[in-house]
Amino acid sequence: MQTSDRWEGDLGRQIRALRLRQNLDQQQLADRAGIALNAVKNLEGGKGTTLRSLVQTLRALNRIEWLQSLAPSVSISPIQM
């Protein structure tokens, strides 16, 4: 099982790769996402950020499906009731 630091680092590298594929620098991504430049730097560096910054960044990179996979709809089985 991966540590939280490892997950944050992996996610940061993936976000950086997406940003570069879209030919954006960190400031452009921050502007698109409506967040501070330091938030982008922290996120890409695996140093943590707010949930809001993560959501705004993924929206700016057109990766809403990532959010959907993190928070799938929860349903209650009639058997559990």
N, C-alpha and C. Protein backbone atom coordinates (compact mmCIF):
# COMPACT_ATOMS: atom_id res chain seq x y z
N MET A 1 0.84 -1.19 0.00
CA MET A 1 0.00 0.00 0.00
C MET A 1 0.89 1.25 0.00
N GLN A 2 0.55 2.18 -0.88
CA GLN A 2 1.35 3.40 -0.99
C GLN A 2 1.07 4.35 0.16
N THR A 3 2.08 5.13 0.51
CA THR A 3 1.91 6.16 1.53
C THR A 3 1.22 7.37 0.90
N SER A 4 0.71 8.25 1.74
CA SER A 4 0.08 9.48 1.26
C SER A 4 1.07 10.33 0.47
N ASP A 5 2.32 10.39 0.95
CA ASP A 5 3.34 11.17 0.25
C ASP A 5 3.56 10.63 -1.16
N ARG A 6 3.56 9.32 -1.28
CA ARG A 6 3.77 8.71 -2.59
C ARG A 6 2.60 9.02 -3.54
N TRP A 7 1.36 8.91 -3.01
CA TRP A 7 0.18 9.23 -3.82
C TRP A 7 0.22 10.70 -4.28
N GLU A 8 0.55 11.59 -3.36
CA GLU A 8 0.61 13.02 -3.70
C GLU A 8 1.68 13.27 -4.75
N GLY A 9 2.81 12.63 -4.63
CA GLY A 9 3.88 12.78 -5.62
C GLY A 9 3.47 12.27 -6.99
N ASP A 10 2.84 11.09 -7.01
CA ASP A 10 2.38 10.52 -8.28
C ASP A 10 1.33 11.42 -8.94
N LEU A 11 0.39 11.89 -8.15
CA LEU A 11 -0.65 12.77 -8.69
C LEU A 11 -0.04 14.06 -9.22
N GLY A 12 0.90 14.61 -8.49
CA GLY A 12 1.57 15.84 -8.92
C GLY A 12 2.28 15.66 -10.25
N ARG A 13 2.96 14.53 -10.41
CA ARG A 13 3.66 14.27 -11.68
C ARG A 13 2.67 14.12 -12.83
N GLN A 14 1.54 13.49 -12.57
CA GLN A 14 0.54 13.34 -13.62
C GLN A 14 -0.07 14.69 -14.02
N ILE A 15 -0.32 15.52 -13.05
CA ILE A 15 -0.87 16.85 -13.34
C ILE A 15 0.15 17.68 -14.12
N ARG A 16 1.41 17.60 -13.74
CA ARG A 16 2.46 18.31 -14.48
C ARG A 16 2.53 17.84 -15.93
N ALA A 17 2.46 16.52 -16.13
CA ALA A 17 2.50 15.96 -17.48
C ALA A 17 1.30 16.44 -18.31
N LEU A 18 0.13 16.48 -17.71
CA LEU A 18 -1.06 16.99 -18.42
C LEU A 18 -0.89 18.46 -18.80
N ARG A 19 -0.37 19.24 -17.85
CA ARG A 19 -0.15 20.67 -18.12
C ARG A 19 0.80 20.85 -19.28
N LEU A 20 1.90 20.11 -19.27
CA LEU A 20 2.89 20.24 -20.34
C LEU A 20 2.34 19.79 -21.69
N ARG A 21 1.53 18.72 -21.70
CA ARG A 21 0.91 18.27 -22.94
C ARG A 21 -0.01 19.32 -23.54
N GLN A 22 -0.57 20.15 -22.67
CA GLN A 22 -1.45 21.22 -23.14
C GLN A 22 -0.69 22.52 -23.39
N ASN A 23 0.64 22.43 -23.34
CA ASN A 23 1.52 23.58 -23.59
C ASN A 23 1.21 24.78 -22.70
N LEU A 24 0.99 24.50 -21.44
CA LEU A 24 0.72 25.56 -20.46
C LEU A 24 1.89 25.66 -19.50
N ASP A 25 2.22 26.87 -19.10
CA ASP A 25 3.17 27.00 -18.00
C ASP A 25 2.37 27.04 -16.70
N GLN A 26 3.06 27.02 -15.59
CA GLN A 26 2.36 26.96 -14.31
C GLN A 26 1.47 28.17 -14.08
N GLN A 27 1.93 29.35 -14.48
CA GLN A 27 1.12 30.56 -14.29
C GLN A 27 -0.15 30.51 -15.12
N GLN A 28 -0.05 30.02 -16.35
CA GLN A 28 -1.24 29.91 -17.19
C GLN A 28 -2.26 28.95 -16.59
N LEU A 29 -1.77 27.84 -16.06
CA LEU A 29 -2.69 26.89 -15.41
C LEU A 29 -3.33 27.52 -14.18
N ALA A 30 -2.54 28.20 -13.39
CA ALA A 30 -3.08 28.87 -12.20
C ALA A 30 -4.16 29.87 -12.59
N ASP A 31 -3.90 30.64 -13.65
CA ASP A 31 -4.89 31.62 -14.11
C ASP A 31 -6.17 30.94 -14.59
N ARG A 32 -6.02 29.87 -15.36
CA ARG A 32 -7.18 29.12 -15.86
C ARG A 32 -7.99 28.52 -14.72
N ALA A 33 -7.28 28.03 -13.72
CA ALA A 33 -7.94 27.36 -12.60
C ALA A 33 -8.46 28.35 -11.56
N GLY A 34 -7.99 29.59 -11.62
CA GLY A 34 -8.41 30.59 -10.64
C GLY A 34 -7.80 30.34 -9.27
N ILE A 35 -6.55 29.85 -9.28
CA ILE A 35 -5.84 29.59 -8.03
C ILE A 35 -4.48 30.27 -8.07
N ALA A 36 -3.81 30.29 -6.95
CA ALA A 36 -2.49 30.92 -6.86
C ALA A 36 -1.42 30.04 -7.53
N LEU A 37 -0.40 30.71 -8.05
CA LEU A 37 0.72 30.01 -8.66
C LEU A 37 1.35 29.02 -7.67
N ASN A 38 1.49 29.43 -6.41
CA ASN A 38 2.07 28.54 -5.41
C ASN A 38 1.25 27.27 -5.21
N ALA A 39 -0.06 27.36 -5.39
CA ALA A 39 -0.91 26.18 -5.27
C ALA A 39 -0.57 25.17 -6.37
N VAL A 40 -0.35 25.67 -7.59
CA VAL A 40 0.04 24.79 -8.69
C VAL A 40 1.40 24.17 -8.40
N LYS A 41 2.33 24.98 -7.95
CA LYS A 41 3.68 24.47 -7.65
C LYS A 41 3.62 23.41 -6.56
N ASN A 42 2.84 23.65 -5.51
CA ASN A 42 2.72 22.67 -4.43
C ASN A 42 2.06 21.39 -4.92
N LEU A 43 1.02 21.54 -5.71
CA LEU A 43 0.32 20.38 -6.23
C LEU A 43 1.23 19.53 -7.10
N GLU A 44 1.92 20.14 -8.03
CA GLU A 44 2.83 19.40 -8.91
C GLU A 44 4.02 18.82 -8.15
N GLY A 45 4.42 19.48 -7.09
CA GLY A 45 5.55 19.01 -6.31
C GLY A 45 5.18 17.95 -5.27
N GLY A 46 3.90 17.60 -5.22
CA GLY A 46 3.46 16.60 -4.27
C GLY A 46 3.49 17.08 -2.83
N LYS A 47 3.40 18.39 -2.65
CA LYS A 47 3.50 18.98 -1.32
C LYS A 47 2.14 19.27 -0.70
N GLY A 48 1.09 18.85 -1.37
CA GLY A 48 -0.25 19.07 -0.84
C GLY A 48 -0.82 20.41 -1.24
N THR A 49 -2.11 20.47 -1.20
CA THR A 49 -2.84 21.68 -1.53
C THR A 49 -4.26 21.48 -1.01
N THR A 50 -5.10 22.45 -1.21
CA THR A 50 -6.48 22.29 -0.76
C THR A 50 -7.26 21.45 -1.76
N LEU A 51 -8.33 20.88 -1.29
CA LEU A 51 -9.20 20.12 -2.17
C LEU A 51 -9.75 21.03 -3.27
N ARG A 52 -10.08 22.25 -2.92
CA ARG A 52 -10.58 23.22 -3.90
C ARG A 52 -9.56 23.45 -5.02
N SER A 53 -8.30 23.60 -4.67
CA SER A 53 -7.27 23.81 -5.68
C SER A 53 -7.14 22.60 -6.59
N LEU A 54 -7.22 21.41 -6.01
CA LEU A 54 -7.16 20.20 -6.82
C LEU A 54 -8.33 20.14 -7.79
N VAL A 55 -9.54 20.40 -7.29
CA VAL A 55 -10.73 20.37 -8.14
C VAL A 55 -10.62 21.40 -9.25
N GLN A 56 -10.25 22.61 -8.92
CA GLN A 56 -10.14 23.68 -9.92
C GLN A 56 -9.08 23.34 -10.97
N THR A 57 -7.98 22.75 -10.53
CA THR A 57 -6.91 22.37 -11.46
C THR A 57 -7.38 21.29 -12.41
N LEU A 58 -8.02 20.27 -11.88
CA LEU A 58 -8.50 19.19 -12.75
C LEU A 58 -9.56 19.69 -13.72
N ARG A 59 -10.39 20.60 -13.29
CA ARG A 59 -11.39 21.20 -14.20
C ARG A 59 -10.68 21.97 -15.32
N ALA A 60 -9.67 22.74 -14.96
CA ALA A 60 -8.93 23.54 -15.95
C ALA A 60 -8.21 22.65 -16.95
N LEU A 61 -7.83 21.45 -16.53
CA LEU A 61 -7.13 20.51 -17.41
C LEU A 61 -8.09 19.54 -18.11
N ASN A 62 -9.39 19.79 -17.95
CA ASN A 62 -10.43 18.93 -18.55
C ASN A 62 -10.31 17.49 -18.11
N ARG A 63 -10.12 17.29 -16.81
CA ARG A 63 -10.01 15.94 -16.25
C ARG A 63 -11.05 15.72 -15.16
N ILE A 64 -12.29 16.10 -15.44
CA ILE A 64 -13.38 15.93 -14.49
C ILE A 64 -13.58 14.45 -14.15
N GLU A 65 -13.31 13.57 -15.11
CA GLU A 65 -13.50 12.14 -14.85
C GLU A 65 -12.62 11.65 -13.70
N TRP A 66 -11.49 12.31 -13.46
CA TRP A 66 -10.66 11.94 -12.32
C TRP A 66 -11.44 12.16 -11.03
N LEU A 67 -12.15 13.27 -10.97
CA LEU A 67 -12.94 13.56 -9.77
C LEU A 67 -14.07 12.56 -9.60
N GLN A 68 -14.69 12.21 -10.71
CA GLN A 68 -15.79 11.26 -10.65
C GLN A 68 -15.32 9.90 -10.16
N SER A 69 -14.10 9.52 -10.51
CA SER A 69 -13.58 8.24 -10.03
C SER A 69 -13.19 8.29 -8.56
N LEU A 70 -12.88 9.49 -8.06
CA LEU A 70 -12.55 9.64 -6.64
C LEU A 70 -13.79 9.62 -5.76
N ALA A 71 -14.90 10.08 -6.30
CA ALA A 71 -16.13 10.19 -5.51
C ALA A 71 -17.30 9.57 -6.27
N PRO A 72 -17.28 8.24 -6.44
CA PRO A 72 -18.38 7.61 -7.16
C PRO A 72 -19.68 7.72 -6.37
N SER A 73 -20.79 7.65 -7.07
CA SER A 73 -22.09 7.68 -6.41
C SER A 73 -22.22 6.49 -5.48
N VAL A 74 -22.73 6.76 -4.30
CA VAL A 74 -22.92 5.70 -3.33
C VAL A 74 -24.40 5.38 -3.27
N SER A 75 -24.71 4.13 -3.41
CA SER A 75 -26.11 3.73 -3.30
C SER A 75 -26.23 2.69 -2.21
N ILE A 76 -27.39 2.66 -1.62
CA ILE A 76 -27.65 1.71 -0.55
C ILE A 76 -28.49 0.57 -1.13
N SER A 77 -28.02 -0.60 -0.91
CA SER A 77 -28.74 -1.79 -1.37
C SER A 77 -29.99 -1.97 -0.52
N PRO A 78 -31.11 -2.31 -1.14
CA PRO A 78 -32.33 -2.57 -0.35
C PRO A 78 -32.11 -3.67 0.70
N ILE A 79 -31.19 -4.56 0.44
CA ILE A 79 -30.89 -5.63 1.38
C ILE A 79 -30.26 -5.08 2.66
N GLN A 80 -29.48 -3.98 2.51
CA GLN A 80 -28.81 -3.38 3.66
C GLN A 80 -29.77 -2.60 4.55
N MET A 81 -30.94 -2.30 4.05
CA MET A 81 -31.91 -1.52 4.82
C MET A 81 -32.66 -2.38 5.74
